[in-house]
Amino acid sequence: MAERLQINFEYNSIEDRLLLRISEKENQGGGVEYRFWLTRRFANVFIKATDKLKCEK
């Protein structure tokens, strides 16, 4: 079970995209980190899709 979950966003202005990093530290001292590059196009599609979900309820 993860003891600590950390979420970070960094903006790369040269490439015009976001780096999403999600890391979790385990009780035994180990951990795992996931990294995702999010483009402006993906972010716009994602926001529109979540807005549709919000309106359907």
PDB file of N, CA and C in Angstrom:
ATOM      1  N   MET A   1       0.847  -1.184   0.000  1.00  0.00           N
ATOM      2  CA  MET A   1       0.000   0.000   0.000  1.00  0.00           C
ATOM      3  C   MET A   1       0.888   1.242   0.000  1.00  0.00           C
ATOM      4  N   ALA A   2       0.509   2.214  -0.800  1.00  0.00           N
ATOM      5  CA  ALA A   2       1.297   3.440  -0.904  1.00  0.00           C
ATOM      6  C   ALA A   2       1.123   4.283   0.349  1.00  0.00           C
ATOM      7  N   GLU A   3       2.237   4.775   0.852  1.00  0.00           N
ATOM      8  CA  GLU A   3       2.198   5.637   2.026  1.00  0.00           C
ATOM      9  C   GLU A   3       1.981   7.094   1.627  1.00  0.00           C
ATOM     10  N   ARG A   4       2.572   7.488   0.498  1.00  0.00           N
ATOM     11  CA  ARG A   4       2.472   8.885   0.073  1.00  0.00           C
ATOM     12  C   ARG A   4       2.308   8.943  -1.444  1.00  0.00           C
ATOM     13  N   LEU A   5       1.347   9.705  -1.901  1.00  0.00           N
ATOM     14  CA  LEU A   5       1.099   9.907  -3.326  1.00  0.00           C
ATOM     15  C   LEU A   5       1.397  11.362  -3.652  1.00  0.00           C
ATOM     16  N   GLN A   6       2.178  11.574  -4.703  1.00  0.00           N
ATOM     17  CA  GLN A   6       2.549  12.933  -5.094  1.00  0.00           C
ATOM     18  C   GLN A   6       2.248  13.120  -6.574  1.00  0.00           C
ATOM     19  N   ILE A   7       1.610  14.253  -6.913  1.00  0.00           N
ATOM     20  CA  ILE A   7       1.264  14.567  -8.302  1.00  0.00           C
ATOM     21  C   ILE A   7       1.887  15.919  -8.646  1.00  0.00           C
ATOM     22  N   ASN A   8       2.638  15.963  -9.745  1.00  0.00           N
ATOM     23  CA  ASN A   8       3.305  17.194 -10.175  1.00  0.00           C
ATOM     24  C   ASN A   8       3.017  17.459 -11.644  1.00  0.00           C
ATOM     25  N   PHE A   9       2.860  18.732 -11.992  1.00  0.00           N
ATOM     26  CA  PHE A   9       2.750  19.175 -13.375  1.00  0.00           C
ATOM     27  C   PHE A   9       3.914  20.122 -13.657  1.00  0.00           C
ATOM     28  N   GLU A  10       4.541  19.958 -14.817  1.00  0.00           N
ATOM     29  CA  GLU A  10       5.567  20.889 -15.277  1.00  0.00           C
ATOM     30  C   GLU A  10       5.233  21.273 -16.710  1.00  0.00           C
ATOM     31  N   TYR A  11       5.386  22.554 -17.031  1.00  0.00           N
ATOM     32  CA  TYR A  11       5.100  23.034 -18.380  1.00  0.00           C
ATOM     33  C   TYR A  11       6.399  23.213 -19.149  1.00  0.00           C
ATOM     34  N   ASN A  12       6.464  22.647 -20.356  1.00  0.00           N
ATOM     35  CA  ASN A  12       7.611  22.814 -21.250  1.00  0.00           C
ATOM     36  C   ASN A  12       7.172  23.766 -22.353  1.00  0.00           C
ATOM     37  N   SER A  13       7.619  25.026 -22.280  1.00  0.00           N
ATOM     38  CA  SER A  13       7.152  26.039 -23.233  1.00  0.00           C
ATOM     39  C   SER A  13       7.713  25.824 -24.633  1.00  0.00           C
ATOM     40  N   ILE A  14       8.884  25.229 -24.745  1.00  0.00           N
ATOM     41  CA  ILE A  14       9.471  24.982 -26.071  1.00  0.00           C
ATOM     42  C   ILE A  14       8.647  23.954 -26.839  1.00  0.00           C
ATOM     43  N   GLU A  15       8.235  22.895 -26.151  1.00  0.00           N
ATOM     44  CA  GLU A  15       7.448  21.840 -26.804  1.00  0.00           C
ATOM     45  C   GLU A  15       5.942  22.037 -26.628  1.00  0.00           C
ATOM     46  N   ASP A  16       5.530  23.043 -25.847  1.00  0.00           N
ATOM     47  CA  ASP A  16       4.129  23.369 -25.603  1.00  0.00           C
ATOM     48  C   ASP A  16       3.335  22.160 -25.121  1.00  0.00           C
ATOM     49  N   ARG A  17       3.820  21.556 -24.053  1.00  0.00           N
ATOM     50  CA  ARG A  17       3.104  20.430 -23.466  1.00  0.00           C
ATOM     51  C   ARG A  17       3.418  20.319 -21.985  1.00  0.00           C
ATOM     52  N   LEU A  18       2.580  19.562 -21.290  1.00  0.00           N
ATOM     53  CA  LEU A  18       2.704  19.374 -19.853  1.00  0.00           C
ATOM     54  C   LEU A  18       3.303  18.013 -19.550  1.00  0.00           C
ATOM     55  N   LEU A  19       4.139  17.951 -18.529  1.00  0.00           N
ATOM     56  CA  LEU A  19       4.629  16.679 -18.017  1.00  0.00           C
ATOM     57  C   LEU A  19       3.895  16.415 -16.715  1.00  0.00           C
ATOM     58  N   LEU A  20       3.117  15.346 -16.700  1.00  0.00           N
ATOM     59  CA  LEU A  20       2.397  14.924 -15.499  1.00  0.00           C
ATOM     60  C   LEU A  20       3.197  13.795 -14.867  1.00  0.00           C
ATOM     61  N   ARG A  21       3.603  13.998 -13.610  1.00  0.00           N
ATOM     62  CA  ARG A  21       4.339  12.958 -12.890  1.00  0.00           C
ATOM     63  C   ARG A  21       3.533  12.547 -11.665  1.00  0.00           C
ATOM     64  N   ILE A  22       3.301  11.242 -11.549  1.00  0.00           N
ATOM     65  CA  ILE A  22       2.593  10.688 -10.399  1.00  0.00           C
ATOM     66  C   ILE A  22       3.540   9.689  -9.746  1.00  0.00           C
ATOM     67  N   SER A  23       3.871   9.938  -8.492  1.00  0.00           N
ATOM     68  CA  SER A  23       4.785   9.025  -7.794  1.00  0.00           C
ATOM     69  C   SER A  23       4.177   8.618  -6.465  1.00  0.00           C
ATOM     70  N   GLU A  24       4.487   7.401  -6.078  1.00  0.00           N
ATOM     71  CA  GLU A  24       4.037   6.915  -4.781  1.00  0.00           C
ATOM     72  C   GLU A  24       5.198   6.227  -4.081  1.00  0.00           C
ATOM     73  N   LYS A  25       5.315   6.494  -2.805  1.00  0.00           N
ATOM     74  CA  LYS A  25       6.366   5.915  -1.975  1.00  0.00           C
ATOM     75  C   LYS A  25       5.760   4.779  -1.162  1.00  0.00           C
ATOM     76  N   GLU A  26       6.428   3.662  -1.153  1.00  0.00           N
ATOM     77  CA  GLU A  26       5.963   2.497  -0.401  1.00  0.00           C
ATOM     78  C   GLU A  26       6.461   2.557   1.034  1.00  0.00           C
ATOM     79  N   ASN A  27       5.826   1.799   1.912  1.00  0.00           N
ATOM     80  CA  ASN A  27       6.217   1.744   3.319  1.00  0.00           C
ATOM     81  C   ASN A  27       7.639   1.214   3.491  1.00  0.00           C
ATOM     82  N   GLN A  28       8.090   0.320   2.615  1.00  0.00           N
ATOM     83  CA  GLN A  28       9.398  -0.295   2.748  1.00  0.00           C
ATOM     84  C   GLN A  28      10.517   0.562   2.155  1.00  0.00           C
ATOM     85  N   GLY A  29      10.217   1.750   1.675  1.00  0.00           N
ATOM     86  CA  GLY A  29      11.241   2.635   1.146  1.00  0.00           C
ATOM     87  C   GLY A  29      11.311   2.671  -0.366  1.00  0.00           C
ATOM     88  N   GLY A  30      10.724   1.713  -1.047  1.00  0.00           N
ATOM     89  CA  GLY A  30      10.702   1.713  -2.512  1.00  0.00           C
ATOM     90  C   GLY A  30       9.600   2.612  -3.016  1.00  0.00           C
ATOM     91  N   GLY A  31       9.473   2.685  -4.315  1.00  0.00           N
ATOM     92  CA  GLY A  31       8.413   3.507  -4.876  1.00  0.00           C
ATOM     93  C   GLY A  31       8.356   3.348  -6.379  1.00  0.00           C
ATOM     94  N   VAL A  32       7.369   4.000  -6.968  1.00  0.00           N
ATOM     95  CA  VAL A  32       7.192   3.936  -8.408  1.00  0.00           C
ATOM     96  C   VAL A  32       6.778   5.319  -8.889  1.00  0.00           C
ATOM     97  N   GLU A  33       7.182   5.657 -10.122  1.00  0.00           N
ATOM     98  CA  GLU A  33       6.813   6.950 -10.699  1.00  0.00           C
ATOM     99  C   GLU A  33       6.307   6.725 -12.119  1.00  0.00           C
ATOM    100  N   TYR A  34       5.206   7.374 -12.441  1.00  0.00           N
ATOM    101  CA  TYR A  34       4.640   7.331 -13.783  1.00  0.00           C
ATOM    102  C   TYR A  34       4.770   8.720 -14.384  1.00  0.00           C
ATOM    103  N   ARG A  35       5.162   8.799 -15.661  1.00  0.00           N
ATOM    104  CA  ARG A  35       5.300  10.080 -16.349  1.00  0.00           C
ATOM    105  C   ARG A  35       4.485  10.061 -17.630  1.00  0.00           C
ATOM    106  N   PHE A  36       3.730  11.146 -17.844  1.00  0.00           N
ATOM    107  CA  PHE A  36       2.893  11.274 -19.028  1.00  0.00           C
ATOM    108  C   PHE A  36       3.093  12.655 -19.633  1.00  0.00           C
ATOM    109  N   TRP A  37       3.335  12.715 -20.928  1.00  0.00           N
ATOM    110  CA  TRP A  37       3.374  13.991 -21.643  1.00  0.00           C
ATOM    111  C   TRP A  37       1.973  14.275 -22.147  1.00  0.00           C
ATOM    112  N   LEU A  38       1.443  15.445 -21.823  1.00  0.00           N
ATOM    113  CA  LEU A  38       0.108  15.846 -22.246  1.00  0.00           C
ATOM    114  C   LEU A  38       0.227  17.019 -23.211  1.00  0.00           C
ATOM    115  N   THR A  39      -0.249  16.820 -24.424  1.00  0.00           N
ATOM    116  CA  THR A  39      -0.215  17.895 -25.412  1.00  0.00           C
ATOM    117  C   THR A  39      -1.427  18.811 -25.218  1.00  0.00           C
ATOM    118  N   ARG A  40      -1.371  19.979 -25.803  1.00  0.00           N
ATOM    119  CA  ARG A  40      -2.493  20.922 -25.728  1.00  0.00           C
ATOM    120  C   ARG A  40      -3.740  20.294 -26.365  1.00  0.00           C
ATOM    121  N   ARG A  41      -3.551  19.596 -27.468  1.00  0.00           N
ATOM    122  CA  ARG A  41      -4.690  18.955 -28.150  1.00  0.00           C
ATOM    123  C   ARG A  41      -5.356  17.922 -27.243  1.00  0.00           C
ATOM    124  N   PHE A  42      -4.547  17.075 -26.596  1.00  0.00           N
ATOM    125  CA  PHE A  42      -5.112  16.074 -25.693  1.00  0.00           C
ATOM    126  C   PHE A  42      -5.823  16.728 -24.521  1.00  0.00           C
ATOM    127  N   ALA A  43      -5.215  17.759 -23.938  1.00  0.00           N
ATOM    128  CA  ALA A  43      -5.817  18.440 -22.792  1.00  0.00           C
ATOM    129  C   ALA A  43      -7.172  19.033 -23.168  1.00  0.00           C
ATOM    130  N   ASN A  44      -7.283  19.635 -24.356  1.00  0.00           N
ATOM    131  CA  ASN A  44      -8.561  20.205 -24.804  1.00  0.00           C
ATOM    132  C   ASN A  44      -9.622  19.127 -24.984  1.00  0.00           C
ATOM    133  N   VAL A  45      -9.259  18.002 -25.586  1.00  0.00           N
ATOM    134  CA  VAL A  45     -10.207  16.900 -25.771  1.00  0.00           C
ATOM    135  C   VAL A  45     -10.631  16.332 -24.415  1.00  0.00           C
ATOM    136  N   PHE A  46      -9.685  16.192 -23.512  1.00  0.00           N
ATOM    137  CA  PHE A  46      -9.971  15.657 -22.184  1.00  0.00           C
ATOM    138  C   PHE A  46     -10.926  16.572 -21.413  1.00  0.00           C
ATOM    139  N   ILE A  47     -10.695  17.867 -21.462  1.00  0.00           N
ATOM    140  CA  ILE A  47     -11.558  18.822 -20.756  1.00  0.00           C
ATOM    141  C   ILE A  47     -12.972  18.795 -21.330  1.00  0.00           C
ATOM    142  N   LYS A  48     -13.093  18.753 -22.663  1.00  0.00           N
ATOM    143  CA  LYS A  48     -14.423  18.690 -23.278  1.00  0.00           C
ATOM    144  C   LYS A  48     -15.153  17.411 -22.890  1.00  0.00           C
ATOM    145  N   ALA A  49     -14.429  16.279 -22.844  1.00  0.00           N
ATOM    146  CA  ALA A  49     -15.049  15.006 -22.476  1.00  0.00           C
ATOM    147  C   ALA A  49     -15.519  15.013 -21.035  1.00  0.00           C
ATOM    148  N   THR A  50     -14.730  15.594 -20.127  1.00  0.00           N
ATOM    149  CA  THR A  50     -15.152  15.635 -18.726  1.00  0.00           C
ATOM    150  C   THR A  50     -16.307  16.620 -18.534  1.00  0.00           C
ATOM    151  N   ASP A  51     -16.366  17.682 -19.329  1.00  0.00           N
ATOM    152  CA  ASP A  51     -17.499  18.588 -19.256  1.00  0.00           C
ATOM    153  C   ASP A  51     -18.785  17.895 -19.679  1.00  0.00           C
ATOM    154  N   LYS A  52     -18.703  17.042 -20.708  1.00  0.00           N
ATOM    155  CA  LYS A  52     -19.879  16.288 -21.142  1.00  0.00           C
ATOM    156  C   LYS A  52     -20.350  15.339 -20.045  1.00  0.00           C
ATOM    157  N   LEU A  53     -19.439  14.699 -19.356  1.00  0.00           N
ATOM    158  CA  LEU A  53     -19.811  13.791 -18.278  1.00  0.00           C
ATOM    159  C   LEU A  53     -20.505  14.561 -17.155  1.00  0.00           C
ATOM    160  N   LYS A  54     -20.007  15.733 -16.850  1.00  0.00           N
ATOM    161  CA  LYS A  54     -20.573  16.547 -15.786  1.00  0.00           C
ATOM    162  C   LYS A  54     -22.000  16.971 -16.136  1.00  0.00           C
ATOM    163  N   CYS A  55     -22.251  17.288 -17.408  1.00  0.00           N
ATOM    164  CA  CYS A  55     -23.554  17.769 -17.827  1.00  0.00           C
ATOM    165  C   CYS A  55     -24.577  16.655 -17.939  1.00  0.00           C
ATOM    166  N   GLU A  56     -24.137  15.408 -18.130  1.00  0.00           N
ATOM    167  CA  GLU A  56     -25.081  14.294 -18.282  1.00  0.00           C
ATOM    168  C   GLU A  56     -25.720  13.879 -16.979  1.00  0.00           C
ATOM    169  N   LYS A  57     -25.138  14.217 -15.846  1.00  0.00           N
ATOM    170  CA  LYS A  57     -25.681  13.799 -14.566  1.00  0.00           C
ATOM    171  C   LYS A  57     -26.903  14.574 -14.180  1.00  0.00           C
TER     172      LYS A  57
END
